[in-house]
Amino acid sequence: QTEYHKLNNLIWIWSAQGTEYFVGNDKFDIAAVDLYDQNTDN
């Protein structure tokens, strides 16, 4: 997407949720997480 299609408008969000799935800081802009069942008190 970035090199072949030259999409320079994308702000990449990595939210795979697991350390072993980490792709490296050079391949995304924002780190994110989805939280539902864990630690859902206030």
PDB file of all heavy atoms in Angstrom:
ATOM      1  N   GLN A   1       0.812  -1.210   0.000  1.00  0.00           N
ATOM      2  CA  GLN A   1       0.000   0.000   0.000  1.00  0.00           C
ATOM      3  C   GLN A   1       0.853   1.271   0.000  1.00  0.00           C
ATOM      4  O   GLN A   1       0.495   2.245  -0.651  1.00  0.00           O
ATOM      5  CB  GLN A   1      -0.956  -0.024   1.189  1.00  0.00           C
ATOM      6  CG  GLN A   1      -2.025  -1.092   1.052  1.00  0.00           C
ATOM      7  CD  GLN A   1      -3.208  -0.889   1.972  1.00  0.00           C
ATOM      8  OE1 GLN A   1      -3.045  -0.562   3.137  1.00  0.00           O
ATOM      9  NE2 GLN A   1      -4.399  -1.090   1.448  1.00  0.00           N
ATOM     10  N   THR A   2       1.959   1.257   0.726  1.00  0.00           N
ATOM     11  CA  THR A   2       2.760   2.476   0.814  1.00  0.00           C
ATOM     12  C   THR A   2       3.740   2.627  -0.350  1.00  0.00           C
ATOM     13  O   THR A   2       3.961   3.740  -0.837  1.00  0.00           O
ATOM     14  CB  THR A   2       3.555   2.514   2.135  1.00  0.00           C
ATOM     15  OG1 THR A   2       4.404   1.366   2.222  1.00  0.00           O
ATOM     16  CG2 THR A   2       2.609   2.542   3.320  1.00  0.00           C
ATOM     17  N   GLU A   3       4.326   1.514  -0.819  1.00  0.00           N
ATOM     18  CA  GLU A   3       5.350   1.592  -1.861  1.00  0.00           C
ATOM     19  C   GLU A   3       4.804   1.314  -3.261  1.00  0.00           C
ATOM     20  O   GLU A   3       5.125   2.029  -4.206  1.00  0.00           O
ATOM     21  CB  GLU A   3       6.496   0.618  -1.549  1.00  0.00           C
ATOM     22  CG  GLU A   3       7.214   0.909  -0.243  1.00  0.00           C
ATOM     23  CD  GLU A   3       8.317  -0.099   0.032  1.00  0.00           C
ATOM     24  OE1 GLU A   3       9.105  -0.396  -0.891  1.00  0.00           O
ATOM     25  OE2 GLU A   3       8.379  -0.617   1.177  1.00  0.00           O
ATOM     26  N   TYR A   4       3.991   0.274  -3.384  1.00  0.00           N
ATOM     27  CA  TYR A   4       3.473  -0.089  -4.715  1.00  0.00           C
ATOM     28  C   TYR A   4       2.319   0.827  -5.117  1.00  0.00           C
ATOM     29  O   TYR A   4       2.322   1.408  -6.210  1.00  0.00           O
ATOM     30  CB  TYR A   4       3.021  -1.556  -4.717  1.00  0.00           C
ATOM     31  CG  TYR A   4       2.533  -2.040  -6.060  1.00  0.00           C
ATOM     32  CD1 TYR A   4       3.442  -2.378  -7.075  1.00  0.00           C
ATOM     33  CD2 TYR A   4       1.169  -2.175  -6.323  1.00  0.00           C
ATOM     34  CE1 TYR A   4       2.984  -2.822  -8.315  1.00  0.00           C
ATOM     35  CE2 TYR A   4       0.716  -2.624  -7.547  1.00  0.00           C
ATOM     36  CZ  TYR A   4       1.623  -2.944  -8.547  1.00  0.00           C
ATOM     37  OH  TYR A   4       1.166  -3.382  -9.776  1.00  0.00           O
ATOM     38  N   HIS A   5       1.341   0.981  -4.238  1.00  0.00           N
ATOM     39  CA  HIS A   5       0.190   1.839  -4.549  1.00  0.00           C
ATOM     40  C   HIS A   5       0.415   3.301  -4.153  1.00  0.00           C
ATOM     41  O   HIS A   5      -0.401   4.155  -4.504  1.00  0.00           O
ATOM     42  CB  HIS A   5      -1.068   1.298  -3.857  1.00  0.00           C
ATOM     43  CG  HIS A   5      -1.556   0.010  -4.439  1.00  0.00           C
ATOM     44  ND1 HIS A   5      -2.154  -0.073  -5.682  1.00  0.00           N
ATOM     45  CD2 HIS A   5      -1.524  -1.266  -3.957  1.00  0.00           C
ATOM     46  CE1 HIS A   5      -2.474  -1.329  -5.940  1.00  0.00           C
ATOM     47  NE2 HIS A   5      -2.097  -2.070  -4.914  1.00  0.00           N
ATOM     48  N   LYS A   6       1.505   3.551  -3.403  1.00  0.00           N
ATOM     49  CA  LYS A   6       1.911   4.922  -3.042  1.00  0.00           C
ATOM     50  C   LYS A   6       0.785   5.682  -2.322  1.00  0.00           C
ATOM     51  O   LYS A   6       0.508   6.847  -2.616  1.00  0.00           O
ATOM     52  CB  LYS A   6       2.403   5.686  -4.262  1.00  0.00           C
ATOM     53  CG  LYS A   6       3.575   4.997  -4.962  1.00  0.00           C
ATOM     54  CD  LYS A   6       4.202   5.847  -6.034  1.00  0.00           C
ATOM     55  CE  LYS A   6       5.300   5.095  -6.785  1.00  0.00           C
ATOM     56  NZ  LYS A   6       6.351   4.573  -5.887  1.00  0.00           N
ATOM     57  N   LEU A   7       0.147   4.999  -1.390  1.00  0.00           N
ATOM     58  CA  LEU A   7      -0.899   5.625  -0.579  1.00  0.00           C
ATOM     59  C   LEU A   7      -0.237   6.352   0.590  1.00  0.00           C
ATOM     60  O   LEU A   7       0.038   5.769   1.636  1.00  0.00           O
ATOM     61  CB  LEU A   7      -1.881   4.566  -0.080  1.00  0.00           C
ATOM     62  CG  LEU A   7      -2.673   3.836  -1.167  1.00  0.00           C
ATOM     63  CD1 LEU A   7      -3.483   2.691  -0.576  1.00  0.00           C
ATOM     64  CD2 LEU A   7      -3.592   4.799  -1.912  1.00  0.00           C
ATOM     65  N   ASN A   8       0.020   7.634   0.400  1.00  0.00           N
ATOM     66  CA  ASN A   8       0.713   8.411   1.431  1.00  0.00           C
ATOM     67  C   ASN A   8      -0.251   9.129   2.367  1.00  0.00           C
ATOM     68  O   ASN A   8       0.153  10.007   3.131  1.00  0.00           O
ATOM     69  CB  ASN A   8       1.671   9.418   0.782  1.00  0.00           C
ATOM     70  CG  ASN A   8       0.956  10.412  -0.120  1.00  0.00           C
ATOM     71  OD1 ASN A   8      -0.277  10.430  -0.192  1.00  0.00           O
ATOM     72  ND2 ASN A   8       1.723  11.227  -0.816  1.00  0.00           N
ATOM     73  N   ASN A   9      -1.529   8.767   2.303  1.00  0.00           N
ATOM     74  CA  ASN A   9      -2.551   9.396   3.153  1.00  0.00           C
ATOM     75  C   ASN A   9      -2.951   8.527   4.338  1.00  0.00           C
ATOM     76  O   ASN A   9      -3.845   8.901   5.096  1.00  0.00           O
ATOM     77  CB  ASN A   9      -3.801   9.721   2.329  1.00  0.00           C
ATOM     78  CG  ASN A   9      -4.474   8.468   1.770  1.00  0.00           C
ATOM     79  OD1 ASN A   9      -3.797   7.520   1.366  1.00  0.00           O
ATOM     80  ND2 ASN A   9      -5.797   8.468   1.736  1.00  0.00           N
ATOM     81  N   LEU A  10      -2.300   7.384   4.516  1.00  0.00           N
ATOM     82  CA  LEU A  10      -2.707   6.438   5.548  1.00  0.00           C
ATOM     83  C   LEU A  10      -1.931   6.662   6.847  1.00  0.00           C
ATOM     84  O   LEU A  10      -0.700   6.720   6.845  1.00  0.00           O
ATOM     85  CB  LEU A  10      -2.501   5.001   5.071  1.00  0.00           C
ATOM     86  CG  LEU A  10      -3.206   4.605   3.772  1.00  0.00           C
ATOM     87  CD1 LEU A  10      -2.934   3.141   3.444  1.00  0.00           C
ATOM     88  CD2 LEU A  10      -4.703   4.889   3.852  1.00  0.00           C
ATOM     89  N   ILE A  11      -2.667   6.794   7.941  1.00  0.00           N
ATOM     90  CA  ILE A  11      -2.094   6.834   9.279  1.00  0.00           C
ATOM     91  C   ILE A  11      -2.332   5.450   9.866  1.00  0.00           C
ATOM     92  O   ILE A  11      -3.466   5.091  10.217  1.00  0.00           O
ATOM     93  CB  ILE A  11      -2.754   7.926  10.133  1.00  0.00           C
ATOM     94  CG1 ILE A  11      -2.577   9.296   9.476  1.00  0.00           C
ATOM     95  CG2 ILE A  11      -2.171   7.929  11.550  1.00  0.00           C
ATOM     96  CD1 ILE A  11      -3.453  10.384  10.060  1.00  0.00           C
ATOM     97  N   TRP A  12      -1.276   4.644   9.959  1.00  0.00           N
ATOM     98  CA  TRP A  12      -1.404   3.222  10.270  1.00  0.00           C
ATOM     99  C   TRP A  12      -1.591   2.985  11.767  1.00  0.00           C
ATOM    100  O   TRP A  12      -0.825   3.491  12.595  1.00  0.00           O
ATOM    101  CB  TRP A  12      -0.176   2.461   9.776  1.00  0.00           C
ATOM    102  CG  TRP A  12      -0.116   2.346   8.293  1.00  0.00           C
ATOM    103  CD1 TRP A  12       0.227   3.325   7.398  1.00  0.00           C
ATOM    104  CD2 TRP A  12      -0.429   1.189   7.521  1.00  0.00           C
ATOM    105  NE1 TRP A  12       0.147   2.846   6.110  1.00  0.00           N
ATOM    106  CE2 TRP A  12      -0.246   1.544   6.153  1.00  0.00           C
ATOM    107  CE3 TRP A  12      -0.833  -0.109   7.833  1.00  0.00           C
ATOM    108  CZ2 TRP A  12      -0.464   0.632   5.120  1.00  0.00           C
ATOM    109  CZ3 TRP A  12      -1.039  -1.017   6.800  1.00  0.00           C
ATOM    110  CH2 TRP A  12      -0.861  -0.638   5.464  1.00  0.00           C
ATOM    111  N   ILE A  13      -2.615   2.196  12.104  1.00  0.00           N
ATOM    112  CA  ILE A  13      -2.907   1.849  13.494  1.00  0.00           C
ATOM    113  C   ILE A  13      -2.729   0.345  13.662  1.00  0.00           C
ATOM    114  O   ILE A  13      -3.422  -0.454  13.026  1.00  0.00           O
ATOM    115  CB  ILE A  13      -4.342   2.251  13.880  1.00  0.00           C
ATOM    116  CG1 ILE A  13      -4.560   3.751  13.634  1.00  0.00           C
ATOM    117  CG2 ILE A  13      -4.614   1.897  15.342  1.00  0.00           C
ATOM    118  CD1 ILE A  13      -5.999   4.194  13.817  1.00  0.00           C
ATOM    119  N   TRP A  14      -1.792  -0.031  14.515  1.00  0.00           N
ATOM    120  CA  TRP A  14      -1.572  -1.454  14.817  1.00  0.00           C
ATOM    121  C   TRP A  14      -2.312  -1.804  16.090  1.00  0.00           C
ATOM    122  O   TRP A  14      -2.104  -1.196  17.133  1.00  0.00           O
ATOM    123  CB  TRP A  14      -0.075  -1.731  14.977  1.00  0.00           C
ATOM    124  CG  TRP A  14       0.231  -3.126  15.436  1.00  0.00           C
ATOM    125  CD1 TRP A  14       0.251  -4.256  14.664  1.00  0.00           C
ATOM    126  CD2 TRP A  14       0.545  -3.541  16.765  1.00  0.00           C
ATOM    127  NE1 TRP A  14       0.551  -5.355  15.430  1.00  0.00           N
ATOM    128  CE2 TRP A  14       0.743  -4.942  16.728  1.00  0.00           C
ATOM    129  CE3 TRP A  14       0.684  -2.874  17.980  1.00  0.00           C
ATOM    130  CZ2 TRP A  14       1.068  -5.674  17.863  1.00  0.00           C
ATOM    131  CZ3 TRP A  14       0.997  -3.608  19.124  1.00  0.00           C
ATOM    132  CH2 TRP A  14       1.192  -4.996  19.050  1.00  0.00           C
ATOM    133  N   SER A  15      -3.207  -2.788  16.013  1.00  0.00           N
ATOM    134  CA  SER A  15      -3.954  -3.200  17.203  1.00  0.00           C
ATOM    135  C   SER A  15      -4.146  -4.713  17.217  1.00  0.00           C
ATOM    136  O   SER A  15      -5.248  -5.215  17.361  1.00  0.00           O
ATOM    137  CB  SER A  15      -5.315  -2.495  17.272  1.00  0.00           C
ATOM    138  OG  SER A  15      -6.083  -2.756  16.110  1.00  0.00           O
ATOM    139  N   ALA A  16      -3.040  -5.434  17.069  1.00  0.00           N
ATOM    140  CA  ALA A  16      -3.103  -6.893  17.040  1.00  0.00           C
ATOM    141  C   ALA A  16      -3.253  -7.489  18.435  1.00  0.00           C
ATOM    142  O   ALA A  16      -3.612  -8.653  18.582  1.00  0.00           O
ATOM    143  CB  ALA A  16      -1.863  -7.466  16.368  1.00  0.00           C
ATOM    144  N   GLN A  17      -2.941  -6.714  19.489  1.00  0.00           N
ATOM    145  CA  GLN A  17      -3.224  -7.061  20.877  1.00  0.00           C
ATOM    146  C   GLN A  17      -2.173  -7.922  21.579  1.00  0.00           C
ATOM    147  O   GLN A  17      -2.270  -8.111  22.788  1.00  0.00           O
ATOM    148  CB  GLN A  17      -4.575  -7.792  21.018  1.00  0.00           C
ATOM    149  CG  GLN A  17      -5.751  -7.189  20.287  1.00  0.00           C
ATOM    150  CD  GLN A  17      -6.431  -6.075  21.039  1.00  0.00           C
ATOM    151  OE1 GLN A  17      -6.180  -4.929  20.764  1.00  0.00           O
ATOM    152  NE2 GLN A  17      -7.276  -6.405  21.980  1.00  0.00           N
ATOM    153  N   GLY A  18      -1.179  -8.473  20.891  1.00  0.00           N
ATOM    154  CA  GLY A  18      -0.248  -9.380  21.543  1.00  0.00           C
ATOM    155  C   GLY A  18       1.203  -9.039  21.254  1.00  0.00           C
ATOM    156  O   GLY A  18       1.542  -8.648  20.132  1.00  0.00           O
ATOM    157  N   THR A  19       2.071  -9.192  22.250  1.00  0.00           N
ATOM    158  CA  THR A  19       3.490  -8.876  22.094  1.00  0.00           C
ATOM    159  C   THR A  19       4.127  -9.665  20.960  1.00  0.00           C
ATOM    160  O   THR A  19       4.923  -9.136  20.180  1.00  0.00           O
ATOM    161  CB  THR A  19       4.231  -9.157  23.417  1.00  0.00           C
ATOM    162  OG1 THR A  19       3.658  -8.375  24.461  1.00  0.00           O
ATOM    163  CG2 THR A  19       5.709  -8.828  23.290  1.00  0.00           C
ATOM    164  N   GLU A  20       3.765 -10.944  20.854  1.00  0.00           N
ATOM    165  CA  GLU A  20       4.370 -11.783  19.816  1.00  0.00           C
ATOM    166  C   GLU A  20       3.921 -11.368  18.420  1.00  0.00           C
ATOM    167  O   GLU A  20       4.547 -11.739  17.424  1.00  0.00           O
ATOM    168  CB  GLU A  20       4.044 -13.260  20.066  1.00  0.00           C
ATOM    169  CG  GLU A  20       2.586 -13.637  19.899  1.00  0.00           C
ATOM    170  CD  GLU A  20       1.743 -13.391  21.138  1.00  0.00           C
ATOM    171  OE1 GLU A  20       2.155 -12.612  22.015  1.00  0.00           O
ATOM    172  OE2 GLU A  20       0.648 -13.989  21.222  1.00  0.00           O
ATOM    173  N   TYR A  21       2.866 -10.566  18.322  1.00  0.00           N
ATOM    174  CA  TYR A  21       2.368 -10.091  17.036  1.00  0.00           C
ATOM    175  C   TYR A  21       2.906  -8.708  16.678  1.00  0.00           C
ATOM    176  O   TYR A  21       2.490  -8.115  15.698  1.00  0.00           O
ATOM    177  CB  TYR A  21       0.838 -10.048  17.046  1.00  0.00           C
ATOM    178  CG  TYR A  21       0.176 -11.410  16.951  1.00  0.00           C
ATOM    179  CD1 TYR A  21       0.156 -12.280  18.037  1.00  0.00           C
ATOM    180  CD2 TYR A  21      -0.431 -11.836  15.770  1.00  0.00           C
ATOM    181  CE1 TYR A  21      -0.439 -13.526  17.956  1.00  0.00           C
ATOM    182  CE2 TYR A  21      -1.040 -13.072  15.677  1.00  0.00           C
ATOM    183  CZ  TYR A  21      -1.037 -13.916  16.776  1.00  0.00           C
ATOM    184  OH  TYR A  21      -1.637 -15.154  16.685  1.00  0.00           O
ATOM    185  N   PHE A  22       3.819  -8.206  17.482  1.00  0.00           N
ATOM    186  CA  PHE A  22       4.351  -6.860  17.277  1.00  0.00           C
ATOM    187  C   PHE A  22       5.129  -6.786  15.961  1.00  0.00           C
ATOM    188  O   PHE A  22       6.023  -7.593  15.707  1.00  0.00           O
ATOM    189  CB  PHE A  22       5.251  -6.480  18.446  1.00  0.00           C
ATOM    190  CG  PHE A  22       5.769  -5.076  18.392  1.00  0.00           C
ATOM    191  CD1 PHE A  22       4.907  -4.003  18.344  1.00  0.00           C
ATOM    192  CD2 PHE A  22       7.132  -4.841  18.397  1.00  0.00           C
ATOM    193  CE1 PHE A  22       5.382  -2.695  18.308  1.00  0.00           C
ATOM    194  CE2 PHE A  22       7.621  -3.547  18.369  1.00  0.00           C
ATOM    195  CZ  PHE A  22       6.748  -2.473  18.320  1.00  0.00           C
ATOM    196  N   VAL A  23       4.812  -5.794  15.135  1.00  0.00           N
ATOM    197  CA  VAL A  23       5.399  -5.698  13.791  1.00  0.00           C
ATOM    198  C   VAL A  23       6.555  -4.714  13.711  1.00  0.00           C
ATOM    199  O   VAL A  23       7.182  -4.583  12.659  1.00  0.00           O
ATOM    200  CB  VAL A  23       4.320  -5.303  12.757  1.00  0.00           C
ATOM    201  CG1 VAL A  23       3.259  -6.384  12.649  1.00  0.00           C
ATOM    202  CG2 VAL A  23       3.691  -3.956  13.107  1.00  0.00           C
ATOM    203  N   GLY A  24       6.843  -4.014  14.791  1.00  0.00           N
ATOM    204  CA  GLY A  24       7.940  -3.054  14.800  1.00  0.00           C
ATOM    205  C   GLY A  24       7.446  -1.634  14.586  1.00  0.00           C
ATOM    206  O   GLY A  24       6.531  -1.388  13.800  1.00  0.00           O
ATOM    207  N   ASN A  25       8.074  -0.694  15.278  1.00  0.00           N
ATOM    208  CA  ASN A  25       7.629   0.694  15.232  1.00  0.00           C
ATOM    209  C   ASN A  25       7.722   1.337  13.852  1.00  0.00           C
ATOM    210  O   ASN A  25       7.051   2.338  13.580  1.00  0.00           O
ATOM    211  CB  ASN A  25       8.458   1.538  16.209  1.00  0.00           C
ATOM    212  CG  ASN A  25       7.973   1.421  17.638  1.00  0.00           C
ATOM    213  OD1 ASN A  25       6.943   0.799  17.911  1.00  0.00           O
ATOM    214  ND2 ASN A  25       8.714   2.002  18.568  1.00  0.00           N
ATOM    215  N   ASP A  26       8.543   0.780  12.976  1.00  0.00           N
ATOM    216  CA  ASP A  26       8.726   1.388  11.651  1.00  0.00           C
ATOM    217  C   ASP A  26       7.587   1.069  10.692  1.00  0.00           C
ATOM    218  O   ASP A  26       7.563   1.594   9.575  1.00  0.00           O
ATOM    219  CB  ASP A  26      10.055   0.928  11.042  1.00  0.00           C
ATOM    220  CG  ASP A  26      10.141  -0.578  10.871  1.00  0.00           C
ATOM    221  OD1 ASP A  26       9.557  -1.314  11.705  1.00  0.00           O
ATOM    222  OD2 ASP A  26      10.804  -1.031   9.919  1.00  0.00           O
ATOM    223  N   LYS A  27       6.620   0.248  11.121  1.00  0.00           N
ATOM    224  CA  LYS A  27       5.550  -0.168  10.217  1.00  0.00           C
ATOM    225  C   LYS A  27       4.159   0.272  10.676  1.00  0.00           C
ATOM    226  O   LYS A  27       3.155  -0.257  10.209  1.00  0.00           O
ATOM    227  CB  LYS A  27       5.569  -1.682  10.012  1.00  0.00           C
ATOM    228  CG  LYS A  27       6.835  -2.209   9.331  1.00  0.00           C
ATOM    229  CD  LYS A  27       6.754  -3.698   9.091  1.00  0.00           C
ATOM    230  CE  LYS A  27       8.043  -4.234   8.491  1.00  0.00           C
ATOM    231  NZ  LYS A  27       9.158  -4.168   9.453  1.00  0.00           N
ATOM    232  N   PHE A  28       4.093   1.232  11.596  1.00  0.00           N
ATOM    233  CA  PHE A  28       2.804   1.800  11.974  1.00  0.00           C
ATOM    234  C   PHE A  28       3.037   3.135  12.669  1.00  0.00           C
ATOM    235  O   PHE A  28       4.167   3.476  13.035  1.00  0.00           O
ATOM    236  CB  PHE A  28       2.004   0.849  12.873  1.00  0.00           C
ATOM    237  CG  PHE A  28       2.601   0.641  14.238  1.00  0.00           C
ATOM    238  CD1 PHE A  28       2.248   1.456  15.310  1.00  0.00           C
ATOM    239  CD2 PHE A  28       3.527  -0.374  14.467  1.00  0.00           C
ATOM    240  CE1 PHE A  28       2.797   1.275  16.565  1.00  0.00           C
ATOM    241  CE2 PHE A  28       4.080  -0.564  15.717  1.00  0.00           C
ATOM    242  CZ  PHE A  28       3.710   0.257  16.766  1.00  0.00           C
ATOM    243  N   ASP A  29       1.952   3.885  12.849  1.00  0.00           N
ATOM    244  CA  ASP A  29       2.033   5.210  13.460  1.00  0.00           C
ATOM    245  C   ASP A  29       1.433   5.280  14.852  1.00  0.00           C
ATOM    246  O   ASP A  29       1.914   6.017  15.706  1.00  0.00           O
ATOM    247  CB  ASP A  29       1.308   6.229  12.556  1.00  0.00           C
ATOM    248  CG  ASP A  29       1.875   6.251  11.152  1.00  0.00           C
ATOM    249  OD1 ASP A  29       3.040   6.645  10.997  1.00  0.00           O
ATOM    250  OD2 ASP A  29       1.153   5.859  10.215  1.00  0.00           O
ATOM    251  N   ILE A  30       0.356   4.543  15.092  1.00  0.00           N
ATOM    252  CA  ILE A  30      -0.362   4.577  16.364  1.00  0.00           C
ATOM    253  C   ILE A  30      -0.520   3.148  16.879  1.00  0.00           C
ATOM    254  O   ILE A  30      -0.890   2.249  16.121  1.00  0.00           O
ATOM    255  CB  ILE A  30      -1.754   5.225  16.190  1.00  0.00           C
ATOM    256  CG1 ILE A  30      -1.616   6.684  15.730  1.00  0.00           C
ATOM    257  CG2 ILE A  30      -2.553   5.151  17.485  1.00  0.00           C
ATOM    258  CD1 ILE A  30      -2.936   7.341  15.371  1.00  0.00           C
ATOM    259  N   ALA A  31      -0.229   2.937  18.156  1.00  0.00           N
ATOM    260  CA  ALA A  31      -0.457   1.643  18.800  1.00  0.00           C
ATOM    261  C   ALA A  31      -1.792   1.701  19.527  1.00  0.00           C
ATOM    262  O   ALA A  31      -2.081   2.670  20.232  1.00  0.00           O
ATOM    263  CB  ALA A  31       0.665   1.328  19.774  1.00  0.00           C
ATOM    264  N   ALA A  32      -2.610   0.673  19.356  1.00  0.00           N
ATOM    265  CA  ALA A  32      -3.955   0.701  19.942  1.00  0.00           C
ATOM    266  C   ALA A  32      -4.323  -0.664  20.513  1.00  0.00           C
ATOM    267  O   ALA A  32      -3.676  -1.681  20.226  1.00  0.00           O
ATOM    268  CB  ALA A  32      -4.978   1.121  18.886  1.00  0.00           C
ATOM    269  N   VAL A  33      -5.376  -0.659  21.334  1.00  0.00           N
ATOM    270  CA  VAL A  33      -5.846  -1.899  21.936  1.00  0.00           C
ATOM    271  C   VAL A  33      -7.364  -1.833  22.071  1.00  0.00           C
ATOM    272  O   VAL A  33      -7.946  -0.757  22.247  1.00  0.00           O
ATOM    273  CB  VAL A  33      -5.179  -2.119  23.318  1.00  0.00           C
ATOM    274  CG1 VAL A  33      -5.593  -1.057  24.316  1.00  0.00           C
ATOM    275  CG2 VAL A  33      -5.457  -3.523  23.860  1.00  0.00           C
ATOM    276  N   ASP A  34      -8.011  -2.995  21.935  1.00  0.00           N
ATOM    277  CA  ASP A  34      -9.454  -3.124  22.133  1.00  0.00           C
ATOM    278  C   ASP A  34      -9.682  -3.822  23.466  1.00  0.00           C
ATOM    279  O   ASP A  34      -9.109  -4.888  23.711  1.00  0.00           O
ATOM    280  CB  ASP A  34     -10.092  -3.956  21.017  1.00  0.00           C
ATOM    281  CG  ASP A  34      -9.942  -3.305  19.646  1.00  0.00           C
ATOM    282  OD1 ASP A  34      -9.433  -2.173  19.574  1.00  0.00           O
ATOM    283  OD2 ASP A  34     -10.332  -3.942  18.650  1.00  0.00           O
ATOM    284  N   LEU A  35     -10.520  -3.247  24.324  1.00  0.00           N
ATOM    285  CA  LEU A  35     -10.740  -3.800  25.662  1.00  0.00           C
ATOM    286  C   LEU A  35     -12.229  -4.018  25.901  1.00  0.00           C
ATOM    287  O   LEU A  35     -13.008  -3.075  25.844  1.00  0.00           O
ATOM    288  CB  LEU A  35     -10.179  -2.850  26.731  1.00  0.00           C
ATOM    289  CG  LEU A  35      -8.675  -2.597  26.688  1.00  0.00           C
ATOM    290  CD1 LEU A  35      -8.283  -1.573  27.736  1.00  0.00           C
ATOM    291  CD2 LEU A  35      -7.908  -3.892  26.906  1.00  0.00           C
ATOM    292  N   TYR A  36     -12.581  -5.260  26.194  1.00  0.00           N
ATOM    293  CA  TYR A  36     -13.968  -5.585  26.513  1.00  0.00           C
ATOM    294  C   TYR A  36     -14.071  -6.369  27.817  1.00  0.00           C
ATOM    295  O   TYR A  36     -14.576  -5.870  28.813  1.00  0.00           O
ATOM    296  CB  TYR A  36     -14.610  -6.366  25.367  1.00  0.00           C
ATOM    297  CG  TYR A  36     -14.888  -5.504  24.158  1.00  0.00           C
ATOM    298  CD1 TYR A  36     -14.039  -5.498  23.060  1.00  0.00           C
ATOM    299  CD2 TYR A  36     -15.997  -4.671  24.121  1.00  0.00           C
ATOM    300  CE1 TYR A  36     -14.292  -4.692  21.962  1.00  0.00           C
ATOM    301  CE2 TYR A  36     -16.259  -3.860  23.028  1.00  0.00           C
ATOM    302  CZ  TYR A  36     -15.400  -3.879  21.946  1.00  0.00           C
ATOM    303  OH  TYR A  36     -15.653  -3.083  20.863  1.00  0.00           O
ATOM    304  N   ASP A  37     -13.565  -7.586  27.831  1.00  0.00           N
ATOM    305  CA  ASP A  37     -13.786  -8.474  28.972  1.00  0.00           C
ATOM    306  C   ASP A  37     -12.817  -8.231  30.122  1.00  0.00           C
ATOM    307  O   ASP A  37     -13.107  -8.562  31.261  1.00  0.00           O
ATOM    308  CB  ASP A  37     -13.677  -9.943  28.525  1.00  0.00           C
ATOM    309  CG  ASP A  37     -14.761 -10.298  27.531  1.00  0.00           C
ATOM    310  OD1 ASP A  37     -15.849  -9.705  27.627  1.00  0.00           O
ATOM    311  OD2 ASP A  37     -14.517 -11.145  26.663  1.00  0.00           O
ATOM    312  N   GLN A  38     -11.641  -7.660  29.823  1.00  0.00           N
ATOM    313  CA  GLN A  38     -10.642  -7.527  30.865  1.00  0.00           C
ATOM    314  C   GLN A  38     -10.636  -6.113  31.459  1.00  0.00           C
ATOM    315  O   GLN A  38     -10.721  -5.118  30.752  1.00  0.00           O
ATOM    316  CB  GLN A  38      -9.258  -7.865  30.301  1.00  0.00           C
ATOM    317  CG  GLN A  38      -8.886  -7.047  29.076  1.00  0.00           C
ATOM    318  CD  GLN A  38      -7.694  -7.613  28.333  1.00  0.00           C
ATOM    319  OE1 GLN A  38      -7.653  -7.595  27.130  1.00  0.00           O
ATOM    320  NE2 GLN A  38      -6.705  -8.092  29.044  1.00  0.00           N
ATOM    321  N   ASN A  39     -10.558  -6.033  32.765  1.00  0.00           N
ATOM    322  CA  ASN A  39     -10.418  -4.751  33.457  1.00  0.00           C
ATOM    323  C   ASN A  39     -11.487  -3.753  33.030  1.00  0.00           C
ATOM    324  O   ASN A  39     -11.203  -2.604  32.721  1.00  0.00           O
ATOM    325  CB  ASN A  39      -9.015  -4.177  33.187  1.00  0.00           C
ATOM    326  CG  ASN A  39      -8.686  -3.029  34.122  1.00  0.00           C
ATOM    327  OD1 ASN A  39      -9.287  -2.884  35.185  1.00  0.00           O
ATOM    328  ND2 ASN A  39      -7.743  -2.206  33.728  1.00  0.00           N
ATOM    329  N   THR A  40     -12.731  -4.195  33.004  1.00  0.00           N
ATOM    330  CA  THR A  40     -13.797  -3.324  32.506  1.00  0.00           C
ATOM    331  C   THR A  40     -14.565  -2.623  33.620  1.00  0.00           C
ATOM    332  O   THR A  40     -15.651  -2.119  33.402  1.00  0.00           O
ATOM    333  CB  THR A  40     -14.795  -4.128  31.638  1.00  0.00           C
ATOM    334  OG1 THR A  40     -15.243  -5.270  32.374  1.00  0.00           O
ATOM    335  CG2 THR A  40     -14.147  -4.580  30.356  1.00  0.00           C
ATOM    336  N   ASP A  41     -14.004  -2.607  34.831  1.00  0.00           N
ATOM    337  CA  ASP A  41     -14.607  -1.751  35.833  1.00  0.00           C
ATOM    338  C   ASP A  41     -14.205  -0.301  35.536  1.00  0.00           C
ATOM    339  O   ASP A  41     -13.481  -0.036  34.587  1.00  0.00           O
ATOM    340  CB  ASP A  41     -14.195  -2.162  37.248  1.00  0.00           C
ATOM    341  CG  ASP A  41     -12.690  -2.226  37.418  1.00  0.00           C
ATOM    342  OD1 ASP A  41     -11.996  -2.174  36.391  1.00  0.00           O
ATOM    343  OD2 ASP A  41     -12.213  -2.330  38.556  1.00  0.00           O
ATOM    344  N   ASN A  42     -14.656   0.627  36.331  1.00  0.00           N
ATOM    345  CA  ASN A  42     -14.488   2.040  36.002  1.00  0.00           C
ATOM    346  C   ASN A  42     -13.092   2.525  36.371  1.00  0.00           C
ATOM    347  O   ASN A  42     -12.886   3.231  37.352  1.00  0.00           O
ATOM    348  CB  ASN A  42     -15.552   2.858  36.732  1.00  0.00           C
ATOM    349  CG  ASN A  42     -15.764   4.203  36.066  1.00  0.00           C
ATOM    350  OD1 ASN A  42     -15.476   4.370  34.892  1.00  0.00           O
ATOM    351  ND2 ASN A  42     -16.273   5.156  36.825  1.00  0.00           N
TER     352      ASN A  42
END
